[in-house]
Amino acid sequence: MASIKIVTSDKDINNCHSVMCQLRPHIAVEDFLSLVKTQMQQGYRLAYVEQGGAPVACAGYRCSQNLAWGKFLYVDDLITDEGQRSKGYGKLLLEWLRQQARENDCAQLELDSGLQRKDAHRFYEREAMAMTSYHFSSKLYTAAWL
């Protein structure tokens, strides 16, 4: 039976890399731990669905507040292992994230998704998420770990 866990150790974080790198292939395994731990100091949390003793889906998220949305839960990363898709793990994790938002008095759950991720967009729409805006970006420099 699949269960959802929040990372509590360096080992947990490192175990999530094999799934997370499918969404963030530019992050090398040797950089992953320090990058996640730095983000955790800023409120980032990393959760994963465990099946058979290994992560099969991961979500990085944080609670925040702004003028546009009030208090919200933002999903930085949401990915199911390519070989484990269509088994309900993404749906399970997304519903768990919604529950985390409710428990933290967030009015909304928000996420951005790359234009190329058409399968993910279909999943989000099936899960009653609406496309509400465009996200614009201006690259100022390339980070050392990219």
Protein backbone atom coordinates (compact mmCIF):
# COMPACT_ATOMS: atom_id res chain seq x y z
CA MET A 1 0.00 0.00 0.00
CA ALA A 2 1.35 3.42 -0.96
CA SER A 3 1.98 5.91 1.82
CA ILE A 4 2.94 9.59 1.85
CA LYS A 5 5.93 10.71 3.85
CA ILE A 6 7.66 14.02 4.47
CA VAL A 7 11.44 13.85 4.25
CA THR A 8 13.11 13.91 7.65
CA SER A 9 16.68 12.94 6.83
CA ASP A 10 19.43 13.39 4.30
CA LYS A 11 18.84 9.79 3.22
CA ASP A 12 15.16 10.56 2.49
CA ILE A 13 16.16 13.59 0.41
CA ASN A 14 18.76 11.64 -1.55
CA ASN A 15 16.28 8.81 -2.19
CA CYS A 16 13.94 11.32 -3.88
CA HIS A 17 16.54 12.39 -6.45
CA SER A 18 15.83 9.50 -8.84
CA VAL A 19 12.23 10.69 -9.21
CA MET A 20 12.83 14.44 -8.92
CA CYS A 21 15.54 14.42 -11.61
CA GLN A 22 12.86 13.43 -14.13
CA LEU A 23 11.35 16.89 -13.57
CA ARG A 24 14.60 18.71 -12.79
CA PRO A 25 17.26 16.94 -14.93
CA HIS A 26 19.66 19.87 -14.60
CA ILE A 27 20.20 19.11 -10.88
CA ALA A 28 23.05 16.66 -10.41
CA VAL A 29 22.78 14.05 -7.69
CA GLU A 30 25.78 15.54 -5.87
CA ASP A 31 24.03 18.96 -5.66
CA PHE A 32 20.52 17.78 -4.82
CA LEU A 33 20.89 17.39 -1.05
CA SER A 34 22.42 20.82 -0.44
CA LEU A 35 19.91 22.55 -2.72
CA VAL A 36 16.93 20.93 -0.99
CA LYS A 37 18.34 21.69 2.47
CA THR A 38 18.88 25.35 1.53
CA GLN A 39 15.30 25.61 0.32
CA MET A 40 14.07 23.90 3.49
CA GLN A 41 15.59 26.76 5.49
CA GLN A 42 13.21 29.00 3.51
CA GLY A 43 10.08 26.93 4.22
CA TYR A 44 10.30 24.32 1.46
CA ARG A 45 9.06 20.83 2.32
CA LEU A 46 9.60 17.67 0.32
CA ALA A 47 7.04 14.87 0.44
CA TYR A 48 6.93 11.61 -1.43
CA VAL A 49 4.71 8.64 -2.10
CA GLU A 50 6.45 5.46 -1.05
CA GLN A 51 5.62 2.16 -2.68
CA GLY A 52 7.67 -0.96 -2.14
CA GLY A 53 10.18 0.94 0.00
CA ALA A 54 11.03 3.54 -2.66
CA PRO A 55 9.70 6.96 -3.73
CA VAL A 56 7.40 6.77 -6.77
CA ALA A 57 6.16 10.38 -6.71
CA CYS A 58 7.54 13.57 -5.13
CA ALA A 59 6.25 17.03 -4.31
CA GLY A 60 8.17 20.06 -3.13
CA TYR A 61 5.93 22.72 -1.64
CA ARG A 62 5.75 25.70 0.70
CA CYS A 63 3.12 27.87 2.34
CA SER A 64 3.29 31.58 1.69
CA GLN A 65 1.16 34.70 1.43
CA ASN A 66 0.85 37.47 -1.12
CA LEU A 67 -1.57 40.17 -2.21
CA ALA A 68 -2.78 38.23 -5.25
CA TRP A 69 -3.82 34.99 -3.51
CA GLY A 70 -3.76 35.65 0.23
CA LYS A 71 -2.37 32.63 2.11
CA PHE A 72 -1.59 29.79 -0.30
CA LEU A 73 0.30 26.54 -0.69
CA TYR A 74 2.66 26.69 -3.66
CA VAL A 75 3.80 23.48 -5.30
CA ASP A 76 7.34 24.00 -6.55
CA ASP A 77 7.74 20.45 -7.86
CA LEU A 78 5.30 17.63 -8.55
CA ILE A 79 6.39 14.50 -10.41
CA THR A 80 5.55 10.82 -10.62
CA ASP A 81 8.22 8.39 -11.76
CA GLU A 82 7.77 7.79 -15.47
CA GLY A 83 7.43 4.03 -14.97
CA GLN A 84 4.81 4.49 -12.25
CA ARG A 85 2.36 6.87 -13.95
CA SER A 86 -1.37 6.19 -14.26
CA LYS A 87 -1.38 4.22 -11.01
CA GLY A 88 -2.97 6.97 -8.91
CA TYR A 89 0.18 8.17 -7.15
CA GLY A 90 0.01 11.71 -8.56
CA LYS A 91 -3.67 11.97 -7.67
CA LEU A 92 -2.94 10.71 -4.15
CA LEU A 93 -0.14 13.24 -3.69
CA LEU A 94 -2.14 16.15 -5.12
CA GLU A 95 -5.08 15.42 -2.80
CA TRP A 96 -2.63 15.19 0.11
CA LEU A 97 -1.23 18.62 -0.88
CA ARG A 98 -4.76 20.04 -0.90
CA GLN A 99 -5.25 18.67 2.60
CA GLN A 100 -1.96 20.25 3.72
CA ALA A 101 -3.20 23.56 2.32
CA ARG A 102 -6.45 23.26 4.27
CA GLU A 103 -4.64 22.32 7.48
CA ASN A 104 -2.41 25.40 7.08
CA ASP A 105 -5.42 27.72 6.49
CA CYS A 106 -4.41 28.35 2.89
CA ALA A 107 -7.11 29.75 0.63
CA GLN A 108 -5.55 28.26 -2.49
CA LEU A 109 -3.15 25.70 -3.92
CA GLU A 110 -1.01 27.08 -6.73
CA LEU A 111 1.57 25.67 -9.14
CA ASP A 112 3.30 26.55 -12.40
CA SER A 113 3.88 24.02 -15.14
CA GLY A 114 6.18 24.24 -18.14
CA LEU A 115 4.47 24.74 -21.49
CA GLN A 116 5.96 21.49 -22.81
CA ARG A 117 4.37 19.34 -20.05
CA LYS A 118 1.13 18.56 -21.92
CA ASP A 119 0.49 15.28 -20.07
CA ALA A 120 0.83 17.08 -16.73
CA HIS A 121 -1.62 19.75 -17.91
CA ARG A 122 -4.21 17.11 -18.77
CA PHE A 123 -3.70 15.58 -15.32
CA TYR A 124 -4.16 18.94 -13.56
CA GLU A 125 -7.32 19.67 -15.54
CA ARG A 126 -8.72 16.21 -14.68
CA GLU A 127 -8.00 17.02 -11.04
CA ALA A 128 -10.15 20.19 -11.19
CA MET A 129 -7.29 22.67 -11.47
CA ALA A 130 -7.79 25.69 -13.71
CA MET A 131 -5.22 27.42 -15.88
CA THR A 132 -5.49 30.97 -14.56
CA SER A 133 -2.45 32.88 -15.81
CA TYR A 134 0.71 32.99 -17.85
CA HIS A 135 4.06 33.02 -16.12
CA PHE A 136 6.74 35.30 -17.58
CA SER A 137 10.45 35.02 -16.91
CA SER A 138 13.60 36.99 -17.63
CA LYS A 139 16.87 35.10 -17.10
CA LEU A 140 19.45 37.38 -15.48
CA TYR A 141 22.31 34.90 -15.11
CA THR A 142 22.97 31.18 -15.04
CA ALA A 143 23.25 29.71 -11.57
CA ALA A 144 26.43 27.78 -10.85
CA TRP A 145 24.52 24.51 -10.41
CA LEU A 146 22.70 24.75 -13.76
